[in-house]
Structure formats: C-alpha cells, structure tokens
Amino acid sequence: MRITKITTKIGDKGETSLGDGTMVSKNSIRIKTVGLLDEVNARVGHAIVKSPNKNISESLKGIQNNLFNIGGELALGEKAQPVFSDENVKEIELSIEKLNNQLPPLADFILPGGDEFNSRLHLARTATRQTEISIFSLKENEVVRDSLCVYMNRLSDYFFVLARCHSVENKIPEDVWKHKK
C-alpha cells in the first residue's frame, strides 16, 4: 500500500473508510481496536529506544510488523484476506518458552517497574491487554480470526517474560506484591 496523501479530510465528520472503502464511524469498535493496536506499536517503539541489545530490538521490530499486519487485516473489514500469519503465534510461543526457561519460578505477583526498559515493556504489556479485550469485543459481532486474539494474548505474556529476563540478566531486583495477610 502506498500512502500519497496524509490529510484527506474524509474523517472530519466522524467517519473514516476501511481498506475496502466501506465508511464506518470513527467510534466503531473496529476503528477503536485499530487505534489501540497503533498505541501498542508506539509503546513497543518506545521500548526499542531503551533496548539493551540488537537481538531484543530486532525481536521487538518483528512484533511491530506483526501489529501492523493485524491492524491491516482489521482495517480491511470482514472480507479481508488474512494478512497476519498464523505462524507468528507459534513463533511467539516458542520465544516465551525459551525466555521463561531462563527464569526462576514465579513465587508472587511482580510490581511493574525495575528500570526504564522494563517500565516501557510493562506499558506495552498493559496496552496489549486492552487491545486484546477490544479485539474480543469486536469478535463478538464481527468476523475476526482466532489467531489474532491468541497472538495478542501471548504478546502480553511475552512482554512480561522479557521484562523478567531483563531484570535477571541485569541483576535488577523484582519488586513483589506485598499482600496483606
């Protein structure tokens, strides 16, 4: 897709067009979901700025491309051909497993934080959760492939496990939830 004009003025009255030309309200759950995906993508980009190494940066950039593909598929409407590859679900599951194998068992809930990179990963994680909820809301009334929902669910797990790995590798203590007894 080639973007030749940024300001189109089409949306000035509260509507926008899907990729197939269908006009919808900017308040539609589909458009809100695409916007939430954009927020997750921006938060991932924000995390990349503080990424400690090239491998992590490349992994996060791959996620950004996957998010664009999911957004593209959702923006094309119900008649869309799959843009997002179902193989990406398997890839992220393998990444989570590989990272999680490097970690001590989780004994309690961990408070978001740690350092700048971890904080940014946790912000991406929470934005991902909100986007996942929005995709499931969209799926209640419209056609959405299961793999998009599964990927977003795994993605929040990935950010959590990546943050834990970063803490362990950099000897950053994990702050645990101190629940009242």
N, C-alpha and C. Protein backbone atom coordinates (compact mmCIF):
# COMPACT_ATOMS: atom_id res chain seq x y z
N MET A 1 0.84 -1.17 0.00
CA MET A 1 0.00 0.00 0.00
C MET A 1 0.89 1.24 0.00
N ARG A 2 0.58 2.17 -0.84
CA ARG A 2 1.34 3.41 -0.93
C ARG A 2 0.46 4.56 -0.42
N ILE A 3 1.00 5.32 0.50
CA ILE A 3 0.28 6.46 1.06
C ILE A 3 0.81 7.71 0.37
N THR A 4 -0.07 8.37 -0.38
CA THR A 4 0.36 9.55 -1.12
C THR A 4 -0.13 10.84 -0.50
N LYS A 5 -1.15 10.75 0.35
CA LYS A 5 -1.70 11.95 0.95
C LYS A 5 -2.06 11.65 2.40
N ILE A 6 -1.55 12.44 3.32
CA ILE A 6 -1.81 12.22 4.74
C ILE A 6 -3.13 12.88 5.15
N THR A 7 -3.32 14.13 4.81
CA THR A 7 -4.54 14.84 5.17
C THR A 7 -5.55 14.67 4.05
N THR A 8 -6.60 13.88 4.32
CA THR A 8 -7.63 13.63 3.30
C THR A 8 -8.93 14.38 3.59
N LYS A 9 -9.14 14.77 4.84
CA LYS A 9 -10.35 15.45 5.31
C LYS A 9 -11.59 14.56 5.28
N ILE A 10 -11.41 13.28 4.96
CA ILE A 10 -12.54 12.34 4.92
C ILE A 10 -13.12 12.16 6.31
N GLY A 11 -12.29 12.17 7.34
CA GLY A 11 -12.74 11.89 8.69
C GLY A 11 -13.23 13.09 9.47
N ASP A 12 -13.33 14.23 8.85
CA ASP A 12 -13.69 15.45 9.57
C ASP A 12 -15.08 15.42 10.19
N LYS A 13 -15.94 14.56 9.72
CA LYS A 13 -17.32 14.50 10.24
C LYS A 13 -17.58 13.23 11.05
N GLY A 14 -16.49 12.57 11.51
CA GLY A 14 -16.67 11.43 12.40
C GLY A 14 -16.74 10.08 11.73
N GLU A 15 -16.44 10.02 10.45
CA GLU A 15 -16.39 8.74 9.75
C GLU A 15 -15.03 8.56 9.11
N THR A 16 -14.71 7.32 8.85
CA THR A 16 -13.47 7.00 8.15
C THR A 16 -13.75 5.80 7.27
N SER A 17 -12.84 5.50 6.38
CA SER A 17 -13.08 4.36 5.49
C SER A 17 -12.15 3.21 5.86
N LEU A 18 -12.72 2.02 5.76
CA LEU A 18 -11.90 0.82 5.91
C LEU A 18 -11.10 0.64 4.64
N GLY A 19 -10.19 -0.30 4.66
CA GLY A 19 -9.35 -0.55 3.49
C GLY A 19 -10.14 -0.96 2.26
N ASP A 20 -11.35 -1.50 2.45
CA ASP A 20 -12.17 -1.90 1.30
C ASP A 20 -13.08 -0.77 0.83
N GLY A 21 -12.95 0.43 1.43
CA GLY A 21 -13.74 1.58 1.02
C GLY A 21 -15.02 1.79 1.81
N THR A 22 -15.40 0.82 2.64
CA THR A 22 -16.60 0.94 3.46
C THR A 22 -16.42 2.06 4.47
N MET A 23 -17.41 2.95 4.55
CA MET A 23 -17.36 4.04 5.52
C MET A 23 -17.93 3.55 6.85
N VAL A 24 -17.22 3.84 7.94
CA VAL A 24 -17.66 3.47 9.28
C VAL A 24 -17.43 4.64 10.23
N SER A 25 -18.14 4.61 11.34
CA SER A 25 -17.95 5.62 12.38
C SER A 25 -16.57 5.47 12.99
N LYS A 26 -15.95 6.61 13.29
CA LYS A 26 -14.66 6.56 13.98
C LYS A 26 -14.83 6.00 15.39
N ASN A 27 -16.08 5.94 15.86
CA ASN A 27 -16.39 5.40 17.17
C ASN A 27 -16.66 3.89 17.12
N SER A 28 -16.54 3.28 15.97
CA SER A 28 -16.81 1.84 15.87
C SER A 28 -15.74 1.05 16.60
N ILE A 29 -16.12 -0.11 17.08
CA ILE A 29 -15.16 -0.95 17.81
C ILE A 29 -13.99 -1.35 16.91
N ARG A 30 -14.23 -1.51 15.63
CA ARG A 30 -13.15 -1.87 14.70
C ARG A 30 -12.11 -0.76 14.63
N ILE A 31 -12.56 0.46 14.49
CA ILE A 31 -11.63 1.59 14.39
C ILE A 31 -10.93 1.81 15.73
N LYS A 32 -11.67 1.67 16.84
CA LYS A 32 -11.04 1.80 18.15
C LYS A 32 -9.95 0.74 18.34
N THR A 33 -10.22 -0.46 17.87
CA THR A 33 -9.25 -1.55 18.01
C THR A 33 -8.00 -1.27 17.19
N VAL A 34 -8.18 -0.77 15.97
CA VAL A 34 -7.02 -0.42 15.14
C VAL A 34 -6.21 0.68 15.83
N GLY A 35 -6.89 1.63 16.46
CA GLY A 35 -6.20 2.67 17.20
C GLY A 35 -5.42 2.13 18.39
N LEU A 36 -6.01 1.16 19.09
CA LEU A 36 -5.32 0.54 20.22
C LEU A 36 -4.09 -0.24 19.75
N LEU A 37 -4.20 -0.89 18.60
CA LEU A 37 -3.04 -1.59 18.03
C LEU A 37 -1.92 -0.59 17.73
N ASP A 38 -2.31 0.57 17.24
CA ASP A 38 -1.34 1.62 16.95
C ASP A 38 -0.65 2.07 18.23
N GLU A 39 -1.41 2.16 19.32
CA GLU A 39 -0.81 2.53 20.60
C GLU A 39 0.20 1.48 21.07
N VAL A 40 -0.17 0.20 20.96
CA VAL A 40 0.77 -0.86 21.34
C VAL A 40 2.04 -0.74 20.51
N ASN A 41 1.87 -0.52 19.21
CA ASN A 41 3.02 -0.42 18.31
C ASN A 41 3.92 0.74 18.72
N ALA A 42 3.32 1.87 19.09
CA ALA A 42 4.11 3.02 19.52
C ALA A 42 4.83 2.72 20.84
N ARG A 43 4.17 1.99 21.74
CA ARG A 43 4.81 1.64 23.01
C ARG A 43 5.96 0.67 22.80
N VAL A 44 5.82 -0.23 21.84
CA VAL A 44 6.92 -1.14 21.51
C VAL A 44 8.09 -0.32 20.96
N GLY A 45 7.79 0.63 20.08
CA GLY A 45 8.84 1.51 19.56
C GLY A 45 9.51 2.29 20.68
N HIS A 46 8.74 2.71 21.65
CA HIS A 46 9.27 3.42 22.81
C HIS A 46 10.21 2.51 23.60
N ALA A 47 9.87 1.24 23.72
CA ALA A 47 10.74 0.29 24.42
C ALA A 47 12.03 0.05 23.64
N ILE A 48 11.93 -0.01 22.33
CA ILE A 48 13.12 -0.27 21.50
C ILE A 48 14.20 0.78 21.75
N VAL A 49 13.80 2.01 21.99
CA VAL A 49 14.75 3.09 22.24
C VAL A 49 15.67 2.77 23.41
N LYS A 50 15.17 2.02 24.39
CA LYS A 50 15.98 1.65 25.56
C LYS A 50 16.39 0.18 25.55
N SER A 51 16.22 -0.48 24.43
CA SER A 51 16.55 -1.90 24.33
C SER A 51 18.05 -2.12 24.60
N PRO A 52 18.37 -3.13 25.41
CA PRO A 52 19.77 -3.34 25.77
C PRO A 52 20.62 -4.01 24.71
N ASN A 53 19.99 -4.62 23.71
CA ASN A 53 20.81 -5.25 22.67
C ASN A 53 20.05 -5.40 21.35
N LYS A 54 20.82 -5.67 20.32
CA LYS A 54 20.28 -5.73 18.96
C LYS A 54 19.28 -6.88 18.80
N ASN A 55 19.54 -8.03 19.42
CA ASN A 55 18.62 -9.16 19.28
C ASN A 55 17.23 -8.83 19.81
N ILE A 56 17.18 -8.18 20.96
CA ILE A 56 15.89 -7.79 21.52
C ILE A 56 15.24 -6.74 20.63
N SER A 57 16.01 -5.79 20.16
CA SER A 57 15.46 -4.76 19.26
C SER A 57 14.86 -5.38 18.02
N GLU A 58 15.57 -6.33 17.44
CA GLU A 58 15.06 -6.99 16.22
C GLU A 58 13.79 -7.78 16.51
N SER A 59 13.75 -8.44 17.64
CA SER A 59 12.54 -9.17 18.03
C SER A 59 11.36 -8.20 18.18
N LEU A 60 11.60 -7.08 18.83
CA LEU A 60 10.54 -6.09 19.03
C LEU A 60 10.10 -5.46 17.70
N LYS A 61 11.03 -5.26 16.79
CA LYS A 61 10.67 -4.73 15.47
C LYS A 61 9.82 -5.74 14.69
N GLY A 62 10.12 -7.02 14.86
CA GLY A 62 9.28 -8.05 14.25
C GLY A 62 7.86 -8.00 14.79
N ILE A 63 7.75 -7.75 16.10
CA ILE A 63 6.43 -7.61 16.72
C ILE A 63 5.72 -6.39 16.15
N GLN A 64 6.44 -5.30 15.95
CA GLN A 64 5.82 -4.12 15.36
C GLN A 64 5.24 -4.44 13.97
N ASN A 65 5.98 -5.19 13.19
CA ASN A 65 5.47 -5.58 11.87
C ASN A 65 4.23 -6.46 12.00
N ASN A 66 4.24 -7.37 12.96
CA ASN A 66 3.06 -8.22 13.19
C ASN A 66 1.86 -7.37 13.58
N LEU A 67 2.08 -6.36 14.42
CA LEU A 67 0.98 -5.49 14.83
C LEU A 67 0.42 -4.72 13.64
N PHE A 68 1.29 -4.27 12.75
CA PHE A 68 0.81 -3.60 11.54
C PHE A 68 -0.02 -4.57 10.69
N ASN A 69 0.42 -5.81 10.60
CA ASN A 69 -0.33 -6.80 9.82
C ASN A 69 -1.69 -7.08 10.43
N ILE A 70 -1.75 -7.17 11.76
CA ILE A 70 -3.04 -7.37 12.43
C ILE A 70 -3.94 -6.16 12.18
N GLY A 71 -3.39 -4.97 12.36
CA GLY A 71 -4.16 -3.75 12.11
C GLY A 71 -4.62 -3.66 10.67
N GLY A 72 -3.75 -4.04 9.75
CA GLY A 72 -4.13 -4.02 8.33
C GLY A 72 -5.28 -4.97 8.05
N GLU A 73 -5.20 -6.14 8.64
CA GLU A 73 -6.27 -7.12 8.44
C GLU A 73 -7.59 -6.60 9.02
N LEU A 74 -7.54 -6.03 10.20
CA LEU A 74 -8.76 -5.49 10.80
C LEU A 74 -9.29 -4.28 10.02
N ALA A 75 -8.40 -3.48 9.48
CA ALA A 75 -8.81 -2.29 8.73
C ALA A 75 -9.40 -2.63 7.37
N LEU A 76 -9.18 -3.84 6.91
CA LEU A 76 -9.74 -4.23 5.62
C LEU A 76 -11.18 -4.72 5.72
N GLY A 77 -11.68 -4.90 6.92
CA GLY A 77 -13.07 -5.31 7.09
C GLY A 77 -13.24 -6.82 7.05
N GLU A 78 -14.50 -7.23 7.12
CA GLU A 78 -14.82 -8.65 7.24
C GLU A 78 -14.46 -9.47 6.00
N LYS A 79 -14.31 -8.84 4.87
CA LYS A 79 -13.99 -9.58 3.64
C LYS A 79 -12.49 -9.70 3.42
N ALA A 80 -11.72 -9.29 4.40
CA ALA A 80 -10.26 -9.27 4.26
C ALA A 80 -9.68 -10.66 4.11
N GLN A 81 -8.69 -10.74 3.28
CA GLN A 81 -7.87 -11.94 3.21
C GLN A 81 -6.87 -11.84 4.35
N PRO A 82 -6.47 -12.98 4.93
CA PRO A 82 -5.51 -12.91 6.04
C PRO A 82 -4.22 -12.19 5.64
N VAL A 83 -3.84 -11.25 6.47
CA VAL A 83 -2.57 -10.53 6.30
C VAL A 83 -1.58 -11.03 7.35
N PHE A 84 -2.10 -11.29 8.53
CA PHE A 84 -1.30 -11.78 9.65
C PHE A 84 -1.10 -13.28 9.50
N SER A 85 0.13 -13.74 9.66
CA SER A 85 0.43 -15.16 9.54
C SER A 85 0.18 -15.89 10.84
N ASP A 86 -0.56 -16.98 10.77
CA ASP A 86 -0.83 -17.81 11.94
C ASP A 86 0.47 -18.38 12.53
N GLU A 87 1.50 -18.49 11.73
CA GLU A 87 2.80 -18.99 12.20
C GLU A 87 3.40 -18.09 13.27
N ASN A 88 3.01 -16.82 13.27
CA ASN A 88 3.53 -15.88 14.26
C ASN A 88 3.12 -16.26 15.67
N VAL A 89 1.98 -16.93 15.81
CA VAL A 89 1.55 -17.39 17.13
C VAL A 89 2.53 -18.43 17.64
N LYS A 90 2.89 -19.39 16.78
CA LYS A 90 3.85 -20.42 17.18
C LYS A 90 5.21 -19.81 17.52
N GLU A 91 5.63 -18.84 16.74
CA GLU A 91 6.92 -18.19 16.97
C GLU A 91 6.96 -17.50 18.32
N ILE A 92 5.90 -16.77 18.66
CA ILE A 92 5.93 -16.05 19.94
C ILE A 92 5.83 -17.02 21.10
N GLU A 93 5.09 -18.11 20.92
CA GLU A 93 5.02 -19.13 21.98
C GLU A 93 6.40 -19.75 22.23
N LEU A 94 7.13 -20.01 21.16
CA LEU A 94 8.50 -20.55 21.31
C LEU A 94 9.41 -19.54 21.99
N SER A 95 9.27 -18.28 21.64
CA SER A 95 10.08 -17.24 22.28
C SER A 95 9.79 -17.15 23.77
N ILE A 96 8.51 -17.21 24.13
CA ILE A 96 8.13 -17.16 25.54
C ILE A 96 8.73 -18.35 26.28
N GLU A 97 8.61 -19.52 25.70
CA GLU A 97 9.13 -20.73 26.34
C GLU A 97 10.65 -20.64 26.54
N LYS A 98 11.34 -20.18 25.50
CA LYS A 98 12.80 -20.06 25.58
C LYS A 98 13.21 -19.07 26.67
N LEU A 99 12.55 -17.92 26.73
CA LEU A 99 12.86 -16.92 27.76
C LEU A 99 12.49 -17.43 29.15
N ASN A 100 11.32 -18.03 29.25
CA ASN A 100 10.84 -18.47 30.56
C ASN A 100 11.73 -19.56 31.15
N ASN A 101 12.36 -20.36 30.30
CA ASN A 101 13.26 -21.41 30.78
C ASN A 101 14.50 -20.85 31.47
N GLN A 102 14.78 -19.57 31.24
CA GLN A 102 15.95 -18.93 31.84
C GLN A 102 15.64 -18.31 33.20
N LEU A 103 14.37 -18.38 33.60
CA LEU A 103 13.92 -17.65 34.78
C LEU A 103 13.66 -18.55 35.98
N PRO A 104 13.86 -17.99 37.16
CA PRO A 104 13.43 -18.73 38.36
C PRO A 104 11.90 -18.76 38.38
N PRO A 105 11.32 -19.75 39.06
CA PRO A 105 9.86 -19.81 39.13
C PRO A 105 9.28 -18.55 39.77
N LEU A 106 8.11 -18.21 39.34
CA LEU A 106 7.43 -17.03 39.86
C LEU A 106 6.75 -17.40 41.18
N ALA A 107 7.10 -16.72 42.25
CA ALA A 107 6.56 -17.03 43.57
C ALA A 107 5.40 -16.11 43.95
N ASP A 108 5.36 -14.93 43.35
CA ASP A 108 4.34 -13.95 43.70
C ASP A 108 4.15 -13.00 42.52
N PHE A 109 3.15 -12.14 42.63
CA PHE A 109 2.96 -11.13 41.59
C PHE A 109 4.11 -10.14 41.65
N ILE A 110 4.50 -9.64 40.48
CA ILE A 110 5.60 -8.68 40.39
C ILE A 110 5.02 -7.31 40.06
N LEU A 111 5.50 -6.31 40.78
CA LEU A 111 5.07 -4.95 40.51
C LEU A 111 5.78 -4.44 39.25
N PRO A 112 5.05 -3.79 38.34
CA PRO A 112 5.70 -3.22 37.16
C PRO A 112 6.75 -2.19 37.56
N GLY A 113 7.83 -2.16 36.86
CA GLY A 113 8.90 -1.20 37.15
C GLY A 113 10.24 -1.81 36.85
N GLY A 114 11.19 -1.59 37.71
CA GLY A 114 12.54 -2.14 37.53
C GLY A 114 13.49 -1.08 37.04
N ASP A 115 13.52 -0.89 35.74
CA ASP A 115 14.32 0.18 35.14
C ASP A 115 13.53 0.74 33.96
N GLU A 116 14.14 1.63 33.22
CA GLU A 116 13.43 2.29 32.11
C GLU A 116 12.93 1.29 31.07
N PHE A 117 13.76 0.34 30.68
CA PHE A 117 13.36 -0.64 29.66
C PHE A 117 12.20 -1.49 30.18
N ASN A 118 12.32 -2.00 31.40
CA ASN A 118 11.25 -2.81 31.97
C ASN A 118 9.94 -2.03 32.05
N SER A 119 10.02 -0.79 32.50
CA SER A 119 8.82 0.03 32.62
C SER A 119 8.14 0.19 31.27
N ARG A 120 8.92 0.37 30.24
CA ARG A 120 8.35 0.52 28.90
C ARG A 120 7.73 -0.80 28.41
N LEU A 121 8.36 -1.92 28.75
CA LEU A 121 7.77 -3.22 28.40
C LEU A 121 6.44 -3.43 29.12
N HIS A 122 6.38 -3.03 30.38
CA HIS A 122 5.12 -3.18 31.13
C HIS A 122 4.03 -2.27 30.57
N LEU A 123 4.39 -1.08 30.10
CA LEU A 123 3.39 -0.22 29.46
C LEU A 123 2.90 -0.86 28.16
N ALA A 124 3.81 -1.47 27.41
CA ALA A 124 3.39 -2.19 26.20
C ALA A 124 2.50 -3.37 26.56
N ARG A 125 2.84 -4.06 27.64
CA ARG A 125 2.03 -5.20 28.09
C ARG A 125 0.61 -4.78 28.44
N THR A 126 0.46 -3.70 29.20
CA THR A 126 -0.88 -3.30 29.61
C THR A 126 -1.68 -2.77 28.42
N ALA A 127 -1.03 -2.07 27.50
CA ALA A 127 -1.72 -1.62 26.29
C ALA A 127 -2.14 -2.82 25.44
N THR A 128 -1.32 -3.85 25.44
CA THR A 128 -1.65 -5.07 24.71
C THR A 128 -2.88 -5.74 25.30
N ARG A 129 -2.98 -5.78 26.62
CA ARG A 129 -4.16 -6.36 27.28
C ARG A 129 -5.44 -5.62 26.87
N GLN A 130 -5.36 -4.28 26.86
CA GLN A 130 -6.53 -3.50 26.46
C GLN A 130 -6.90 -3.76 25.01
N THR A 131 -5.91 -3.91 24.17
CA THR A 131 -6.16 -4.19 22.76
C THR A 131 -6.76 -5.57 22.58
N GLU A 132 -6.26 -6.53 23.33
CA GLU A 132 -6.81 -7.89 23.29
C GLU A 132 -8.30 -7.88 23.65
N ILE A 133 -8.65 -7.15 24.70
CA ILE A 133 -10.05 -7.05 25.11
C ILE A 133 -10.88 -6.45 23.99
N SER A 134 -10.35 -5.43 23.34
CA SER A 134 -11.07 -4.78 22.25
C SER A 134 -11.26 -5.72 21.06
N ILE A 135 -10.24 -6.52 20.76
CA ILE A 135 -10.36 -7.49 19.66
C ILE A 135 -11.44 -8.52 19.99
N PHE A 136 -11.48 -8.98 21.24
CA PHE A 136 -12.53 -9.93 21.62
C PHE A 136 -13.90 -9.27 21.56
N SER A 137 -14.01 -8.00 21.90
CA SER A 137 -15.29 -7.29 21.78
C SER A 137 -15.71 -7.22 20.31
N LEU A 138 -14.77 -6.93 19.44
CA LEU A 138 -15.06 -6.90 18.01
C LEU A 138 -15.51 -8.26 17.52
N LYS A 139 -14.87 -9.30 18.01
CA LYS A 139 -15.17 -10.67 17.59
C LYS A 139 -16.58 -11.10 18.00
N GLU A 140 -17.14 -10.48 19.03
CA GLU A 140 -18.49 -10.83 19.46
C GLU A 140 -19.54 -10.55 18.38
N ASN A 141 -19.25 -9.57 17.51
CA ASN A 141 -20.24 -9.17 16.49
C ASN A 141 -19.74 -9.25 15.06
N GLU A 142 -18.45 -9.40 14.88
CA GLU A 142 -17.89 -9.41 13.53
C GLU A 142 -16.88 -10.54 13.40
N VAL A 143 -16.52 -10.81 12.18
CA VAL A 143 -15.57 -11.90 11.91
C VAL A 143 -14.16 -11.43 12.23
N VAL A 144 -13.53 -12.15 13.14
CA VAL A 144 -12.12 -11.92 13.49
C VAL A 144 -11.50 -13.31 13.66
N ARG A 145 -10.38 -13.53 13.00
CA ARG A 145 -9.73 -14.83 13.11
C ARG A 145 -9.21 -15.07 14.52
N ASP A 146 -9.33 -16.29 14.98
CA ASP A 146 -8.89 -16.67 16.32
C ASP A 146 -7.41 -16.36 16.55
N SER A 147 -6.60 -16.54 15.52
CA SER A 147 -5.16 -16.35 15.70
C SER A 147 -4.80 -14.92 16.09
N LEU A 148 -5.62 -13.94 15.72
CA LEU A 148 -5.34 -12.56 16.11
C LEU A 148 -5.52 -12.40 17.62
N CYS A 149 -6.58 -13.02 18.13
CA CYS A 149 -6.84 -12.98 19.58
C CYS A 149 -5.75 -13.71 20.35
N VAL A 150 -5.39 -14.88 19.87
CA VAL A 150 -4.37 -15.69 20.55
C VAL A 150 -3.03 -14.95 20.56
N TYR A 151 -2.66 -14.36 19.43
CA TYR A 151 -1.38 -13.65 19.35
C TYR A 151 -1.33 -12.51 20.37
N MET A 152 -2.40 -11.74 20.46
CA MET A 152 -2.39 -10.62 21.39
C MET A 152 -2.31 -11.11 22.84
N ASN A 153 -2.96 -12.22 23.13
CA ASN A 153 -2.87 -12.80 24.46
C ASN A 153 -1.43 -13.22 24.76
N ARG A 154 -0.79 -13.87 23.83
CA ARG A 154 0.59 -14.30 24.01
C ARG A 154 1.55 -13.12 24.08
N LEU A 155 1.24 -12.08 23.30
CA LEU A 155 2.13 -10.92 23.24
C LEU A 155 2.27 -10.26 24.62
N SER A 156 1.18 -10.14 25.34
CA SER A 156 1.30 -9.55 26.68
C SER A 156 2.14 -10.45 27.58
N ASP A 157 2.00 -11.77 27.42
CA ASP A 157 2.85 -12.70 28.16
C ASP A 157 4.32 -12.51 27.79
N TYR A 158 4.58 -12.33 26.50
CA TYR A 158 5.94 -12.14 26.02
C TYR A 158 6.58 -10.92 26.67
N PHE A 159 5.85 -9.79 26.71
CA PHE A 159 6.41 -8.58 27.31
C PHE A 159 6.72 -8.80 28.79
N PHE A 160 5.86 -9.53 29.48
CA PHE A 160 6.07 -9.81 30.90
C PHE A 160 7.33 -10.66 31.10
N VAL A 161 7.46 -11.72 30.33
CA VAL A 161 8.60 -12.62 30.47
C VAL A 161 9.89 -11.92 30.03
N LEU A 162 9.82 -11.13 28.98
CA LEU A 162 11.01 -10.39 28.53
C LEU A 162 11.46 -9.42 29.62
N ALA A 163 10.53 -8.76 30.28
CA ALA A 163 10.88 -7.84 31.37
C ALA A 163 11.56 -8.61 32.51
N ARG A 164 11.04 -9.77 32.84
CA ARG A 164 11.66 -10.58 33.90
C ARG A 164 13.08 -11.00 33.50
N CYS A 165 13.25 -11.44 32.26
CA CYS A 165 14.59 -11.84 31.79
C CYS A 165 15.56 -10.67 31.87
N HIS A 166 15.10 -9.51 31.47
CA HIS A 166 15.95 -8.32 31.53
C HIS A 166 16.37 -8.05 32.98
N SER A 167 15.44 -8.21 33.91
CA SER A 167 15.76 -8.00 35.33
C SER A 167 16.81 -8.99 35.80
N VAL A 168 16.63 -10.25 35.47
CA VAL A 168 17.58 -11.28 35.91
C VAL A 168 18.95 -11.04 35.30
N GLU A 169 19.00 -10.78 33.99
CA GLU A 169 20.28 -10.58 33.31
C GLU A 169 21.03 -9.36 33.83
N ASN A 170 20.30 -8.35 34.26
CA ASN A 170 20.92 -7.11 34.70
C ASN A 170 20.91 -6.93 36.21
N LYS A 171 20.58 -8.03 36.91
CA LYS A 171 20.57 -8.03 38.38
C LYS A 171 19.71 -6.90 38.96
N ILE A 172 18.56 -6.70 38.33
CA ILE A 172 17.59 -5.72 38.81
C ILE A 172 16.60 -6.47 39.69
N PRO A 173 16.51 -6.11 40.95
CA PRO A 173 15.59 -6.83 41.83
C PRO A 173 14.14 -6.69 41.37
N GLU A 174 13.39 -7.79 41.47
CA GLU A 174 11.97 -7.74 41.15
C GLU A 174 11.21 -7.36 42.41
N ASP A 175 10.45 -6.30 42.33
CA ASP A 175 9.59 -5.90 43.46
C ASP A 175 8.33 -6.75 43.42
N VAL A 176 8.07 -7.44 44.50
CA VAL A 176 6.90 -8.30 44.54
C VAL A 176 5.77 -7.63 45.32
N TRP A 177 4.59 -8.02 44.98
CA TRP A 177 3.39 -7.54 45.63
C TRP A 177 3.40 -7.97 47.09
N LYS A 178 3.23 -7.04 47.96
CA LYS A 178 3.18 -7.33 49.39
C LYS A 178 1.71 -7.30 49.83
N HIS A 179 1.09 -8.44 49.71
CA HIS A 179 -0.33 -8.54 50.04
C HIS A 179 -0.53 -8.61 51.55
N LYS A 180 -1.66 -8.11 51.96
CA LYS A 180 -1.97 -8.12 53.39
C LYS A 180 -2.46 -9.50 53.77
N LYS A 181 -2.03 -9.95 54.92
CA LYS A 181 -2.46 -11.28 55.40
C LYS A 181 -3.43 -11.14 56.52
